[in-house]
PDB file of N, CA and C in Angstrom:
ATOM      1  N   UNK A   1      77.154 -73.024   7.974  1.00  0.00           N
ATOM      2  CA  UNK A   1      77.119 -73.486   9.435  1.00  0.00           C
ATOM      3  C   UNK A   1      77.275 -75.261   9.322  1.00  0.00           C
ATOM      4  N   UNK A   2      78.552 -75.272   8.873  1.00  0.00           N
ATOM      5  CA  UNK A   2      79.201 -76.644   8.671  1.00  0.00           C
ATOM      6  C   UNK A   2      79.184 -77.844  10.237  1.00  0.00           C
ATOM      7  N   UNK A   3      79.377 -76.727  11.342  1.00  0.00           N
ATOM      8  CA  UNK A   3      79.618 -77.149  12.466  1.00  0.00           C
ATOM      9  C   UNK A   3      78.887 -77.064  13.358  1.00  0.00           C
ATOM     10  N   UNK A   4      78.431 -77.969  13.962  1.00  0.00           N
ATOM     11  CA  UNK A   4      77.480 -77.879  15.464  1.00  0.00           C
ATOM     12  C   UNK A   4      78.311 -77.467  16.561  1.00  0.00           C
ATOM     13  N   UNK A   5      77.506 -76.385  17.625  1.00  0.00           N
ATOM     14  CA  UNK A   5      77.771 -76.129  18.524  1.00  0.00           C
ATOM     15  C   UNK A   5      79.514 -76.679  19.322  1.00  0.00           C
ATOM     16  N   UNK A   6      79.095 -77.774  19.666  1.00  0.00           N
ATOM     17  CA  UNK A   6      80.409 -78.558  20.376  1.00  0.00           C
ATOM     18  C   UNK A   6      80.917 -79.691  19.776  1.00  0.00           C
ATOM     19  N   UNK A   7      80.532 -80.069  18.624  1.00  0.00           N
ATOM     20  CA  UNK A   7      80.966 -81.248  17.943  1.00  0.00           C
ATOM     21  C   UNK A   7      82.047 -81.260  17.019  1.00  0.00           C
ATOM     22  N   UNK A   8      82.414 -79.874  16.638  1.00  0.00           N
ATOM     23  CA  UNK A   8      83.618 -79.863  15.747  1.00  0.00           C
ATOM     24  C   UNK A   8      83.530 -80.042  14.611  1.00  0.00           C
ATOM     25  N   UNK A   9      84.256 -80.887  13.901  1.00  0.00           N
ATOM     26  CA  UNK A   9      84.133 -81.521  12.622  1.00  0.00           C
ATOM     27  C   UNK A   9      83.767 -83.062  12.522  1.00  0.00           C
ATOM     28  N   UNK A  10      82.649 -83.166  13.019  1.00  0.00           N
ATOM     29  CA  UNK A  10      82.302 -84.836  13.295  1.00  0.00           C
ATOM     30  C   UNK A  10      81.361 -84.841  11.802  1.00  0.00           C
ATOM     31  N   UNK A  11      81.495 -85.889  11.205  1.00  0.00           N
ATOM     32  CA  UNK A  11      80.932 -86.371   9.956  1.00  0.00           C
ATOM     33  C   UNK A  11      79.453 -87.080  10.320  1.00  0.00           C
ATOM     34  N   UNK A  12      78.799 -87.432   9.282  1.00  0.00           N
ATOM     35  CA  UNK A  12      77.558 -88.112   9.372  1.00  0.00           C
ATOM     36  C   UNK A  12      78.206 -89.673  10.035  1.00  0.00           C
ATOM     37  N   UNK A  13      79.044 -90.279   9.387  1.00  0.00           N
ATOM     38  CA  UNK A  13      79.135 -91.687   9.963  1.00  0.00           C
ATOM     39  C   UNK A  13      79.767 -91.692  11.707  1.00  0.00           C
ATOM     40  N   UNK A  14      80.493 -90.562  11.843  1.00  0.00           N
ATOM     41  CA  UNK A  14      80.867 -90.592  13.358  1.00  0.00           C
ATOM     42  C   UNK A  14      79.507 -90.240  14.425  1.00  0.00           C
ATOM     43  N   UNK A  15      78.539 -89.071  13.765  1.00  0.00           N
ATOM     44  CA  UNK A  15      77.294 -88.951  14.357  1.00  0.00           C
ATOM     45  C   UNK A  15      76.671 -90.064  14.575  1.00  0.00           C
ATOM     46  N   UNK A  16      76.406 -90.975  13.593  1.00  0.00           N
ATOM     47  CA  UNK A  16      75.481 -92.450  13.735  1.00  0.00           C
ATOM     48  C   UNK A  16      76.408 -93.210  14.737  1.00  0.00           C
ATOM     49  N   UNK A  17      77.536 -93.202  14.640  1.00  0.00           N
ATOM     50  CA  UNK A  17      78.532 -94.348  15.474  1.00  0.00           C
ATOM     51  C   UNK A  17      78.093 -93.900  17.025  1.00  0.00           C
ATOM     52  N   UNK A  18      77.970 -92.685  17.496  1.00  0.00           N
ATOM     53  CA  UNK A  18      77.985 -91.921  18.780  1.00  0.00           C
ATOM     54  C   UNK A  18      76.022 -92.250  18.917  1.00  0.00           C
ATOM     55  N   UNK A  19      75.262 -91.963  18.088  1.00  0.00           N
ATOM     56  CA  UNK A  19      74.064 -92.644  18.317  1.00  0.00           C
ATOM     57  C   UNK A  19      73.652 -93.840  18.748  1.00  0.00           C
ATOM     58  N   UNK A  20      74.253 -94.968  17.727  1.00  0.00           N
ATOM     59  CA  UNK A  20      74.398 -96.267  18.236  1.00  0.00           C
ATOM     60  C   UNK A  20      74.920 -96.508  19.649  1.00  0.00           C
ATOM     61  N   UNK A  21      76.082 -96.154  19.953  1.00  0.00           N
ATOM     62  CA  UNK A  21      76.598 -96.242  21.237  1.00  0.00           C
ATOM     63  C   UNK A  21      75.300 -95.620  22.389  1.00  0.00           C
ATOM     64  N   UNK A  22      74.964 -94.208  22.346  1.00  0.00           N
ATOM     65  CA  UNK A  22      74.137 -94.067  23.406  1.00  0.00           C
ATOM     66  C   UNK A  22      72.750 -95.060  23.395  1.00  0.00           C
ATOM     67  N   UNK A  23      72.400 -95.193  22.370  1.00  0.00           N
ATOM     68  CA  UNK A  23      71.313 -96.220  22.386  1.00  0.00           C
ATOM     69  C   UNK A  23      71.514 -97.553  23.116  1.00  0.00           C
ATOM     70  N   UNK A  24      72.398 -97.861  22.809  1.00  0.00           N
ATOM     71  CA  UNK A  24      73.276 -99.269  23.419  1.00  0.00           C
ATOM     72  C   UNK A  24      73.170 -99.114  24.985  1.00  0.00           C
ATOM     73  N   UNK A  25      74.003 -97.862  25.306  1.00  0.00           N
ATOM     74  CA  UNK A  25      73.911 -97.541  26.728  1.00  0.00           C
ATOM     75  C   UNK A  25      72.854 -97.339  27.731  1.00  0.00           C
ATOM     76  N   UNK A  26      71.721 -96.454  26.716  1.00  0.00           N
ATOM     77  CA  UNK A  26      70.586 -95.891  27.768  1.00  0.00           C
ATOM     78  C   UNK A  26      69.328 -96.950  27.201  1.00  0.00           C
ATOM     79  N   UNK A  27      69.506 -97.795  26.238  1.00  0.00           N
ATOM     80  CA  UNK A  27      68.248 -98.302  25.935  1.00  0.00           C
ATOM     81  C   UNK A  27      66.981 -97.361  25.298  1.00  0.00           C
ATOM     82  N   UNK A  28      66.241 -97.928  24.622  1.00  0.00           N
ATOM     83  CA  UNK A  28      65.317 -97.327  23.654  1.00  0.00           C
ATOM     84  C   UNK A  28      64.395 -96.476  24.612  1.00  0.00           C
ATOM     85  N   UNK A  29      64.075 -97.094  25.912  1.00  0.00           N
ATOM     86  CA  UNK A  29      62.961 -96.620  26.721  1.00  0.00           C
ATOM     87  C   UNK A  29      63.516 -95.625  27.827  1.00  0.00           C
ATOM     88  N   UNK A  30      64.578 -95.405  27.846  1.00  0.00           N
ATOM     89  CA  UNK A  30      65.397 -94.664  29.009  1.00  0.00           C
ATOM     90  C   UNK A  30      65.683 -93.098  28.245  1.00  0.00           C
ATOM     91  N   UNK A  31      65.906 -93.097  26.529  1.00  0.00           N
ATOM     92  CA  UNK A  31      66.497 -91.837  26.025  1.00  0.00           C
ATOM     93  C   UNK A  31      65.231 -91.070  26.062  1.00  0.00           C
ATOM     94  N   UNK A  32      63.831 -91.327  25.700  1.00  0.00           N
ATOM     95  CA  UNK A  32      62.795 -90.168  25.988  1.00  0.00           C
ATOM     96  C   UNK A  32      62.718 -89.852  27.437  1.00  0.00           C
ATOM     97  N   UNK A  33      62.963 -90.684  28.705  1.00  0.00           N
ATOM     98  CA  UNK A  33      62.770 -89.997  29.942  1.00  0.00           C
ATOM     99  C   UNK A  33      63.948 -89.055  30.098  1.00  0.00           C
ATOM    100  N   UNK A  34      64.912 -89.309  29.648  1.00  0.00           N
ATOM    101  CA  UNK A  34      66.144 -88.614  29.715  1.00  0.00           C
ATOM    102  C   UNK A  34      66.233 -87.252  29.016  1.00  0.00           C
ATOM    103  N   UNK A  35      65.835 -87.208  27.841  1.00  0.00           N
ATOM    104  CA  UNK A  35      65.246 -86.215  26.908  1.00  0.00           C
ATOM    105  C   UNK A  35      64.277 -85.097  27.720  1.00  0.00           C
ATOM    106  N   UNK A  36      63.494 -85.775  28.197  1.00  0.00           N
ATOM    107  CA  UNK A  36      62.430 -84.953  28.862  1.00  0.00           C
ATOM    108  C   UNK A  36      63.153 -84.371  30.553  1.00  0.00           C
ATOM    109  N   UNK A  37      63.610 -85.179  31.247  1.00  0.00           N
ATOM    110  CA  UNK A  37      64.410 -84.585  32.345  1.00  0.00           C
ATOM    111  C   UNK A  37      65.241 -83.383  31.864  1.00  0.00           C
ATOM    112  N   UNK A  38      66.218 -83.466  30.605  1.00  0.00           N
ATOM    113  CA  UNK A  38      66.976 -82.212  30.200  1.00  0.00           C
ATOM    114  C   UNK A  38      66.026 -81.404  29.912  1.00  0.00           C
ATOM    115  N   UNK A  39      64.873 -81.440  29.326  1.00  0.00           N
ATOM    116  CA  UNK A  39      63.663 -80.232  28.890  1.00  0.00           C
ATOM    117  C   UNK A  39      63.408 -79.738  30.371  1.00  0.00           C
ATOM    118  N   UNK A  40      63.063 -80.269  31.037  1.00  0.00           N
ATOM    119  CA  UNK A  40      62.601 -79.826  32.601  1.00  0.00           C
ATOM    120  C   UNK A  40      63.941 -78.726  33.045  1.00  0.00           C
ATOM    121  N   UNK A  41      64.906 -79.277  33.353  1.00  0.00           N
ATOM    122  CA  UNK A  41      65.940 -78.695  33.393  1.00  0.00           C
ATOM    123  C   UNK A  41      66.099 -77.504  32.819  1.00  0.00           C
ATOM    124  N   UNK A  42      66.145 -77.228  31.578  1.00  0.00           N
ATOM    125  CA  UNK A  42      66.413 -76.236  30.670  1.00  0.00           C
ATOM    126  C   UNK A  42      65.306 -75.113  30.988  1.00  0.00           C
ATOM    127  N   UNK A  43      63.908 -75.708  31.325  1.00  0.00           N
ATOM    128  CA  UNK A  43      62.908 -74.934  31.484  1.00  0.00           C
ATOM    129  C   UNK A  43      62.918 -74.261  32.687  1.00  0.00           C
ATOM    130  N   UNK A  44      63.316 -74.945  34.026  1.00  0.00           N
ATOM    131  CA  UNK A  44      64.047 -74.323  35.148  1.00  0.00           C
ATOM    132  C   UNK A  44      64.637 -73.521  35.265  1.00  0.00           C
ATOM    133  N   UNK A  45      65.974 -73.602  34.510  1.00  0.00           N
ATOM    134  CA  UNK A  45      66.964 -72.503  34.074  1.00  0.00           C
ATOM    135  C   UNK A  45      66.475 -71.254  33.728  1.00  0.00           C
ATOM    136  N   UNK A  46      65.681 -71.472  32.476  1.00  0.00           N
ATOM    137  CA  UNK A  46      65.263 -70.192  32.043  1.00  0.00           C
ATOM    138  C   UNK A  46      64.143 -69.509  32.852  1.00  0.00           C
ATOM    139  N   UNK A  47      63.668 -70.013  33.610  1.00  0.00           N
ATOM    140  CA  UNK A  47      62.391 -69.794  34.589  1.00  0.00           C
ATOM    141  C   UNK A  47      63.413 -68.897  35.880  1.00  0.00           C
ATOM    142  N   UNK A  48      64.432 -69.421  35.879  1.00  0.00           N
ATOM    143  CA  UNK A  48      65.237 -68.776  37.186  1.00  0.00           C
ATOM    144  C   UNK A  48      65.830 -67.618  36.762  1.00  0.00           C
ATOM    145  N   UNK A  49      66.440 -67.560  35.310  1.00  0.00           N
ATOM    146  CA  UNK A  49      67.041 -66.484  34.976  1.00  0.00           C
ATOM    147  C   UNK A  49      65.894 -65.209  34.520  1.00  0.00           C
ATOM    148  N   UNK A  50      64.901 -65.489  33.955  1.00  0.00           N
ATOM    149  CA  UNK A  50      63.929 -64.833  34.035  1.00  0.00           C
ATOM    150  C   UNK A  50      63.575 -63.659  35.390  1.00  0.00           C
ATOM    151  N   UNK A  51      63.362 -64.726  36.356  1.00  0.00           N
ATOM    152  CA  UNK A  51      63.288 -64.337  37.655  1.00  0.00           C
ATOM    153  C   UNK A  51      64.468 -63.506  38.200  1.00  0.00           C
ATOM    154  N   UNK A  52      65.530 -63.529  37.981  1.00  0.00           N
ATOM    155  CA  UNK A  52      66.706 -62.734  38.519  1.00  0.00           C
ATOM    156  C   UNK A  52      66.327 -61.398  37.394  1.00  0.00           C
ATOM    157  N   UNK A  53      66.092 -61.466  36.248  1.00  0.00           N
ATOM    158  CA  UNK A  53      66.156 -60.289  35.545  1.00  0.00           C
ATOM    159  C   UNK A  53      64.912 -59.462  36.136  1.00  0.00           C
ATOM    160  N   UNK A  54      63.797 -59.844  36.462  1.00  0.00           N
ATOM    161  CA  UNK A  54      62.860 -59.433  36.888  1.00  0.00           C
ATOM    162  C   UNK A  54      63.071 -58.818  38.425  1.00  0.00           C
ATOM    163  N   UNK A  55      63.676 -59.244  39.162  1.00  0.00           N
ATOM    164  CA  UNK A  55      64.161 -58.847  40.249  1.00  0.00           C
ATOM    165  C   UNK A  55      65.180 -57.741  40.092  1.00  0.00           C
ATOM    166  N   UNK A  56      66.124 -57.469  39.251  1.00  0.00           N
ATOM    167  CA  UNK A  56      66.661 -56.612  38.777  1.00  0.00           C
ATOM    168  C   UNK A  56      66.299 -55.536  38.394  1.00  0.00           C
ATOM    169  N   UNK A  57      65.432 -55.424  37.478  1.00  0.00           N
ATOM    170  CA  UNK A  57      64.140 -54.509  37.247  1.00  0.00           C
ATOM    171  C   UNK A  57      63.611 -54.018  38.303  1.00  0.00           C
ATOM    172  N   UNK A  58      62.949 -54.580  39.342  1.00  0.00           N
ATOM    173  CA  UNK A  58      62.196 -54.150  40.269  1.00  0.00           C
ATOM    174  C   UNK A  58      63.442 -53.197  41.172  1.00  0.00           C
ATOM    175  N   UNK A  59      64.344 -53.888  41.309  1.00  0.00           N
ATOM    176  CA  UNK A  59      65.544 -53.103  42.099  1.00  0.00           C
ATOM    177  C   UNK A  59      65.680 -51.597  41.437  1.00  0.00           C
ATOM    178  N   UNK A  60      65.901 -51.471  40.039  1.00  0.00           N
ATOM    179  CA  UNK A  60      66.119 -50.374  39.370  1.00  0.00           C
ATOM    180  C   UNK A  60      64.989 -49.483  39.592  1.00  0.00           C
ATOM    181  N   UNK A  61      63.808 -49.921  39.373  1.00  0.00           N
ATOM    182  CA  UNK A  61      62.429 -48.925  39.587  1.00  0.00           C
ATOM    183  C   UNK A  61      62.476 -48.438  41.369  1.00  0.00           C
ATOM    184  N   UNK A  62      62.797 -49.223  42.070  1.00  0.00           N
ATOM    185  CA  UNK A  62      62.925 -48.675  43.407  1.00  0.00           C
ATOM    186  C   UNK A  62      63.796 -47.508  43.781  1.00  0.00           C
ATOM    187  N   UNK A  63      64.867 -47.661  43.289  1.00  0.00           N
ATOM    188  CA  UNK A  63      65.968 -46.695  43.348  1.00  0.00           C
ATOM    189  C   UNK A  63      65.808 -45.564  42.509  1.00  0.00           C
ATOM    190  N   UNK A  64      64.846 -45.313  41.731  1.00  0.00           N
ATOM    191  CA  UNK A  64      64.633 -44.177  41.079  1.00  0.00           C
ATOM    192  C   UNK A  64      63.584 -43.295  41.752  1.00  0.00           C
TER     193      UNK A  64
END
């Protein structure tokens, strides 16, 4: 598994440069807040998908 999902053929040097640029753009205090927001978004998305799956299962049981 030499490749990350969307990073392609980036080496260690490129990843370090990207990390430094992100740190400069957002600052050290903003990055944890950004990651927390992304985590909440992913959790909400998973909850929404689970709710849809539950609705579909409920509809299937009602039809039988």
